[in-house]
C-alpha cells in the first residue's frame, strides 16, 4: 500500500511539473513574429561563424550570457560553425513553435506528428519560441540548429542553442527506419541493418531534449539485425571457387554524391598494377558474392568493390554502376 501511495504521489508531482501550453506551429504563427525570430537567427548564425561574442551577448538572455561558454563551446557547436563547415545558404526552417505558458520554469513538451517526436525543455518565461533550422554540410549531411528564445521585458532573448546531426541525404531517422523496414520485408537484411544503424545514429539532433517515439524500437531492431548479419555471414570469407583465392573481409556503407551504397572489400593476392588479371578476378568476385550474400540488394544504383593487397597495402576500387 505504501508503494502504491508513493507512486501516486510521484505521478502527481510529475504532472504538476508539466504544464499545458498554448502553442502555435509554423504557418499558424504571426508572420511578423516569425520574421523577428528569423532576423535574430540570422544574426546568431553569423555570430557563431565569426565567434562574435558581442553579438551573442546582445542576443542572449542573462542566463545565456552567464553560461555562454558552456552553451556555444562544445565540440559539436565549434565544429559546425567553423568557417565553411556548414553551408548557411542552404539553411531552412524545419519547424517553429510559439508557446504561451501558464507559469515560468515548467517542463514543456512540444510534439511533432510529422517527425513522430517530442522536444522537452524548461520554459524560463511565459512566452517562448523554439525554432529548428536545418543546414547542410558537404551537400550530404543535414545538421539541426535549434534555438530557444524567451520574451523578456518585451524583447525576444536567446536562452539556448543546440546543434546535432538530423539527417543524411535529405532523409531523417524516420525515413531510414522506414527504409529498413522495407528492406527487411524483402529479406535484404544487410541493407536493413545499415538503415536501422543510420536511423539509430540520428536519434539525438538536440541531445536528450528530443526523443523519437520509436527510439527504443529502432535500437532493438538494429541490435537484432546486427546479430542476424553476424550469424549469417562470417568474415573473412574465402571465395574457394575462384582460382586466385580472394577473401571477402567486409560489407559496409559508402557515400557518394547520390547516396549511401554498399562497398564490398576483399583481399586479393594479385598485384593491383596488373589491370587485366585484377579486372578478371573482380568480375569473378562480383558473380560469386551475388550467390553468397543474398541478404544484400544488388539492384542498387551503385555497388563498390574494394580490392586490396595485404602484402603491398595497395588498393583498387571498382564501381558497378547500374544506371
Protein backbone atom coordinates (compact mmCIF):
# COMPACT_ATOMS: atom_id res chain seq x y z
CA UNK A 1 0.00 0.00 0.00
CA UNK A 2 2.86 2.40 0.84
CA UNK A 3 4.47 1.66 -2.55
CA UNK A 4 1.20 2.40 -4.37
CA UNK A 5 0.75 5.63 -2.40
CA UNK A 6 4.33 6.72 -3.19
CA UNK A 7 3.74 6.02 -6.90
CA UNK A 8 0.61 8.17 -6.85
CA UNK A 9 2.47 11.00 -5.13
CA UNK A 10 5.30 10.85 -7.69
CA UNK A 11 2.82 10.79 -10.56
CA UNK A 12 1.03 13.83 -9.19
CA UNK A 13 4.35 15.63 -8.77
CA UNK A 14 5.35 14.90 -12.36
CA UNK A 15 2.01 16.06 -13.68
CA UNK A 16 2.27 19.30 -11.74
CA UNK A 17 5.69 19.97 -13.27
CA UNK A 18 4.46 19.58 -16.84
CA UNK A 19 2.11 22.45 -17.58
CA UNK A 20 -0.02 22.78 -20.64
CA UNK A 21 0.91 25.48 -23.12
CA UNK A 22 -0.98 27.19 -25.90
CA UNK A 23 1.27 26.53 -28.88
CA UNK A 24 1.16 27.74 -32.48
CA UNK A 25 3.20 25.86 -35.09
CA UNK A 26 4.86 27.03 -38.32
CA UNK A 27 2.41 28.98 -40.51
CA UNK A 28 -0.01 29.39 -37.61
CA UNK A 29 2.46 31.87 -36.10
CA UNK A 30 2.11 35.57 -36.92
CA UNK A 31 4.35 36.44 -39.88
CA UNK A 32 5.85 39.49 -38.11
CA UNK A 33 6.93 37.35 -35.16
CA UNK A 34 8.40 34.72 -37.48
CA UNK A 35 10.39 37.46 -39.24
CA UNK A 36 11.62 38.79 -35.90
CA UNK A 37 12.96 35.37 -34.94
CA UNK A 38 14.42 34.86 -38.43
CA UNK A 39 16.37 38.10 -38.12
CA UNK A 40 17.71 37.03 -34.73
CA UNK A 41 18.62 33.57 -36.03
CA UNK A 42 20.47 35.10 -39.00
CA UNK A 43 22.48 37.25 -36.60
CA UNK A 44 23.12 34.25 -34.35
CA UNK A 45 24.46 32.07 -37.16
CA UNK A 46 26.82 34.79 -38.37
CA UNK A 47 27.96 35.44 -34.80
CA UNK A 48 28.69 31.73 -34.33
CA UNK A 49 30.64 31.58 -37.61
CA UNK A 50 32.76 34.60 -36.72
CA UNK A 51 32.91 33.97 -32.94
CA UNK A 52 31.37 37.40 -32.37
CA UNK A 53 30.91 37.47 -28.62
CA UNK A 54 29.44 40.97 -28.72
CA UNK A 55 26.52 39.92 -30.92
CA UNK A 56 25.96 36.80 -28.83
CA UNK A 57 25.69 38.97 -25.73
CA UNK A 58 23.16 41.25 -27.46
CA UNK A 59 21.03 38.26 -28.49
CA UNK A 60 21.27 36.34 -25.24
CA UNK A 61 19.28 36.37 -22.04
CA UNK A 62 21.08 36.93 -18.74
CA UNK A 63 21.13 33.16 -18.23
CA UNK A 64 22.56 32.55 -21.71
CA UNK A 65 25.29 35.16 -21.19
CA UNK A 66 26.17 33.69 -17.80
CA UNK A 67 26.67 30.20 -19.25
CA UNK A 68 27.58 31.24 -22.80
CA UNK A 69 30.93 29.49 -22.89
CA UNK A 70 29.36 26.15 -22.00
CA UNK A 71 26.46 26.62 -24.43
CA UNK A 72 28.46 27.51 -27.55
CA UNK A 73 31.88 25.98 -26.88
CA UNK A 74 31.02 22.28 -27.04
CA UNK A 75 32.79 20.25 -29.74
CA UNK A 76 29.72 19.96 -31.98
CA UNK A 77 28.96 23.69 -31.95
CA UNK A 78 32.60 24.65 -32.60
CA UNK A 79 32.89 22.18 -35.48
CA UNK A 80 29.54 23.06 -37.04
CA UNK A 81 30.22 26.77 -37.15
CA UNK A 82 33.83 26.59 -38.19
CA UNK A 83 34.05 28.68 -41.34
CA UNK A 84 32.95 26.61 -44.30
CA UNK A 85 31.75 23.62 -42.28
CA UNK A 86 28.06 24.37 -42.74
CA UNK A 87 26.62 25.91 -45.89
CA UNK A 88 24.43 28.57 -44.29
CA UNK A 89 22.96 29.40 -47.71
CA UNK A 90 21.14 26.06 -47.53
CA UNK A 91 19.60 26.81 -44.13
CA UNK A 92 15.84 26.28 -43.98
CA UNK A 93 13.29 26.27 -41.19
CA UNK A 94 12.18 22.75 -40.32
CA UNK A 95 9.68 23.66 -37.58
CA UNK A 96 8.92 26.59 -35.29
CA UNK A 97 6.84 26.71 -32.13
CA UNK A 98 5.46 29.77 -30.35
CA UNK A 99 4.08 28.95 -26.90
CA UNK A 100 2.26 30.81 -24.15
CA UNK A 101 2.60 29.17 -20.74
CA UNK A 102 0.60 29.31 -17.52
CA UNK A 103 3.76 29.70 -15.46
CA UNK A 104 7.52 30.04 -15.73
CA UNK A 105 10.13 27.31 -15.15
CA UNK A 106 7.90 24.38 -16.01
CA UNK A 107 8.65 21.38 -18.18
CA UNK A 108 7.20 21.97 -21.65
CA UNK A 109 6.73 19.24 -24.24
CA UNK A 110 6.33 20.00 -27.95
CA UNK A 111 5.05 17.25 -30.21
CA UNK A 112 5.63 16.75 -33.94
CA UNK A 113 3.28 14.35 -35.69
CA UNK A 114 5.37 14.52 -38.86
CA UNK A 115 8.63 13.53 -37.17
CA UNK A 116 6.88 11.41 -34.53
CA UNK A 117 8.98 13.10 -31.91
CA UNK A 118 8.83 15.31 -28.83
CA UNK A 119 11.00 18.16 -27.61
CA UNK A 120 11.20 18.81 -23.86
CA UNK A 121 12.54 22.00 -22.31
CA UNK A 122 12.09 24.25 -19.30
CA UNK A 123 10.26 27.46 -20.24
CA UNK A 124 12.04 30.23 -18.36
CA UNK A 125 9.48 32.79 -19.50
CA UNK A 126 5.72 32.76 -20.03
CA UNK A 127 6.22 33.17 -23.78
CA UNK A 128 8.78 31.06 -25.63
CA UNK A 129 9.81 30.39 -29.21
CA UNK A 130 11.61 27.27 -30.43
CA UNK A 131 12.99 27.26 -33.97
CA UNK A 132 14.54 24.25 -35.69
CA UNK A 133 16.88 25.17 -38.55
CA UNK A 134 18.30 22.62 -40.97
CA UNK A 135 21.64 23.28 -42.66
CA UNK A 136 23.77 21.15 -44.97
CA UNK A 137 27.35 20.00 -44.63
CA UNK A 138 29.20 18.94 -47.79
CA UNK A 139 25.82 18.65 -49.56
CA UNK A 140 25.26 15.34 -47.75
CA UNK A 141 24.63 15.65 -44.02
CA UNK A 142 21.77 17.69 -42.55
CA UNK A 143 22.55 19.40 -39.25
CA UNK A 144 19.84 20.71 -36.95
CA UNK A 145 20.40 24.05 -35.25
CA UNK A 146 17.71 24.50 -32.61
CA UNK A 147 17.27 27.89 -30.96
CA UNK A 148 15.29 28.56 -27.79
CA UNK A 149 14.02 32.10 -27.14
CA UNK A 150 12.04 33.68 -24.33
CA UNK A 151 10.19 37.00 -24.16
CA UNK A 152 11.94 39.18 -21.57
CA UNK A 153 10.60 42.68 -20.91
CA UNK A 154 9.06 42.81 -24.38
CA UNK A 155 12.20 41.57 -26.18
CA UNK A 156 12.98 38.10 -27.51
CA UNK A 157 16.17 36.82 -25.90
CA UNK A 158 18.14 33.68 -26.74
CA UNK A 159 18.16 31.10 -23.94
CA UNK A 160 19.93 28.23 -25.67
CA UNK A 161 21.19 26.83 -28.97
CA UNK A 162 21.74 23.16 -29.78
CA UNK A 163 23.48 21.57 -32.78
CA UNK A 164 23.24 17.95 -33.88
CA UNK A 165 23.07 15.60 -36.85
CA UNK A 166 19.49 15.36 -38.11
CA UNK A 167 19.69 13.52 -41.42
CA UNK A 168 21.74 12.23 -44.33
CA UNK A 169 20.92 12.84 -47.99
CA UNK A 170 17.71 14.69 -47.10
CA UNK A 171 16.45 11.70 -45.12
CA UNK A 172 15.75 11.73 -41.39
CA UNK A 173 15.84 8.99 -38.76
CA UNK A 174 12.22 8.13 -39.52
CA UNK A 175 12.94 7.89 -43.25
CA UNK A 176 15.80 5.45 -42.66
CA UNK A 177 13.65 3.46 -40.26
CA UNK A 178 11.00 3.09 -42.98
CA UNK A 179 13.71 2.06 -45.49
CA UNK A 180 14.98 -0.53 -43.02
CA UNK A 181 11.51 -1.98 -42.56
CA UNK A 182 11.06 -2.23 -46.32
CA UNK A 183 14.45 -3.90 -46.78
CA UNK A 184 13.66 -6.38 -44.01
CA UNK A 185 10.37 -7.32 -45.72
CA UNK A 186 12.35 -8.13 -48.87
CA UNK A 187 14.85 -10.17 -46.80
CA UNK A 188 17.64 -7.72 -47.63
CA UNK A 189 18.81 -7.90 -44.03
CA UNK A 190 22.26 -6.43 -44.70
CA UNK A 191 20.65 -3.28 -46.11
CA UNK A 192 18.10 -3.38 -43.27
CA UNK A 193 20.87 -3.35 -40.66
CA UNK A 194 22.63 -0.44 -42.40
CA UNK A 195 19.42 1.61 -42.46
CA UNK A 196 18.49 0.73 -38.86
CA UNK A 197 22.01 1.69 -37.78
CA UNK A 198 21.83 5.05 -39.56
CA UNK A 199 18.42 5.71 -38.00
CA UNK A 200 19.90 4.85 -34.62
CA UNK A 201 22.73 7.36 -35.12
CA UNK A 202 20.28 10.15 -35.94
CA UNK A 203 18.33 9.90 -32.69
CA UNK A 204 19.67 12.95 -30.83
CA UNK A 205 19.81 16.08 -33.02
CA UNK A 206 19.01 18.11 -29.88
CA UNK A 207 20.67 15.76 -27.43
CA UNK A 208 18.35 14.27 -24.82
CA UNK A 209 15.89 17.14 -25.27
CA UNK A 210 14.42 15.47 -28.37
CA UNK A 211 13.06 11.95 -28.43
CA UNK A 212 11.55 9.92 -31.26
CA UNK A 213 8.60 7.80 -30.17
CA UNK A 214 10.14 4.67 -31.72
CA UNK A 215 13.71 5.27 -30.43
CA UNK A 216 13.82 2.09 -28.33
CA UNK A 217 12.35 0.05 -31.17
CA UNK A 218 14.98 1.34 -33.59
CA UNK A 219 17.78 0.49 -31.16
CA UNK A 220 16.39 -3.00 -30.53
CA UNK A 221 15.91 -3.79 -34.22
CA UNK A 222 19.37 -2.51 -35.05
CA UNK A 223 20.88 -4.89 -32.47
CA UNK A 224 18.77 -7.84 -33.66
CA UNK A 225 19.65 -7.24 -37.31
CA UNK A 226 23.35 -6.94 -36.49
CA UNK A 227 23.20 -10.32 -34.74
CA UNK A 228 21.48 -11.81 -37.79
CA UNK A 229 24.15 -10.44 -40.15
CA UNK A 230 26.94 -11.81 -37.93
CA UNK A 231 25.18 -15.16 -37.69
CA UNK A 232 24.60 -15.48 -41.44
CA UNK A 233 27.87 -14.04 -42.70
CA UNK A 234 31.26 -14.68 -41.11
CA UNK A 235 34.26 -12.64 -42.25
CA UNK A 236 36.75 -13.18 -43.74
CA UNK A 237 35.05 -15.39 -46.32
CA UNK A 238 37.39 -17.24 -48.73
CA UNK A 239 35.98 -17.47 -52.24
CA UNK A 240 37.16 -21.02 -52.88
CA UNK A 241 35.67 -21.29 -56.37
CA UNK A 242 37.96 -18.55 -57.68
CA UNK A 243 41.45 -19.79 -58.57
CA UNK A 244 43.22 -16.67 -57.25
CA UNK A 245 41.69 -17.27 -53.78
CA UNK A 246 40.43 -13.81 -52.82
CA UNK A 247 38.69 -13.32 -49.45
CA UNK A 248 35.75 -11.05 -48.67
CA UNK A 249 36.57 -9.19 -45.46
CA UNK A 250 33.67 -6.75 -45.02
CA UNK A 251 30.49 -5.18 -46.34
CA UNK A 252 29.87 -1.60 -45.28
CA UNK A 253 28.01 1.55 -46.39
CA UNK A 254 29.85 4.09 -48.52
CA UNK A 255 28.88 7.63 -49.51
CA UNK A 256 28.92 9.18 -52.94
CA UNK A 257 27.18 12.24 -54.40
CA UNK A 258 23.96 10.27 -54.95
CA UNK A 259 23.54 8.50 -51.63
CA UNK A 260 24.62 5.59 -49.44
CA UNK A 261 25.67 2.41 -51.23
CA UNK A 262 27.43 -0.83 -50.22
CA UNK A 263 31.15 -1.30 -50.57
CA UNK A 264 32.41 -4.90 -50.55
CA UNK A 265 36.05 -5.17 -49.52
CA UNK A 266 38.04 -8.24 -50.48
CA UNK A 267 41.66 -9.24 -50.11
CA UNK A 268 43.46 -10.12 -53.32
CA UNK A 269 46.72 -11.94 -53.88
CA UNK A 270 47.22 -10.15 -57.20
CA UNK A 271 49.16 -7.00 -57.84
CA UNK A 272 46.79 -4.07 -58.21
CA UNK A 273 49.07 -2.92 -61.03
CA UNK A 274 48.12 -5.99 -63.11
CA UNK A 275 44.96 -4.46 -64.54
CA UNK A 276 43.96 -7.38 -66.75
CA UNK A 277 44.30 -10.04 -64.05
CA UNK A 278 42.71 -7.87 -61.35
CA UNK A 279 39.76 -6.96 -63.56
CA UNK A 280 39.17 -10.63 -64.41
CA UNK A 281 39.23 -11.51 -60.70
CA UNK A 282 36.86 -8.63 -59.91
CA UNK A 283 34.29 -9.96 -62.40
CA UNK A 284 34.54 -13.38 -60.77
CA UNK A 285 34.23 -11.88 -57.28
CA UNK A 286 31.19 -9.87 -58.37
CA UNK A 287 29.46 -13.00 -59.69
CA UNK A 288 30.33 -15.09 -56.64
CA UNK A 289 29.26 -12.62 -53.93
CA UNK A 290 25.82 -12.30 -55.53
CA UNK A 291 25.32 -16.02 -54.89
CA UNK A 292 26.62 -15.87 -51.31
CA UNK A 293 25.26 -12.59 -49.92
CA UNK A 294 21.59 -12.91 -50.77
CA UNK A 295 20.77 -10.61 -47.86
CA UNK A 296 22.19 -7.67 -49.83
CA UNK A 297 20.25 -5.82 -52.51
CA UNK A 298 22.45 -5.95 -55.61
CA UNK A 299 19.96 -3.95 -57.69
CA UNK A 300 21.06 -0.64 -56.20
CA UNK A 301 22.40 2.11 -58.45
CA UNK A 302 25.94 1.58 -57.19
CA UNK A 303 27.86 -1.31 -55.65
CA UNK A 304 31.52 -0.69 -54.90
CA UNK A 305 34.22 -3.36 -54.69
CA UNK A 306 37.49 -2.57 -52.96
CA UNK A 307 40.36 -4.94 -53.70
CA UNK A 308 43.41 -4.65 -51.51
CA UNK A 309 46.71 -6.47 -51.41
CA UNK A 310 47.77 -7.04 -47.81
CA UNK A 311 51.42 -7.52 -48.72
CA UNK A 312 51.81 -4.22 -50.59
CA UNK A 313 48.89 -2.37 -48.91
CA UNK A 314 47.77 -1.24 -52.36
CA UNK A 315 44.08 -0.68 -53.06
CA UNK A 316 41.93 -0.65 -56.19
CA UNK A 317 38.25 0.29 -56.22
CA UNK A 318 35.78 -0.93 -58.84
CA UNK A 319 32.36 0.61 -59.37
CA UNK A 320 29.38 -1.43 -60.51
CA UNK A 321 27.04 1.28 -61.82
CA UNK A 322 23.56 0.09 -62.71
CA UNK A 323 22.23 3.26 -64.35
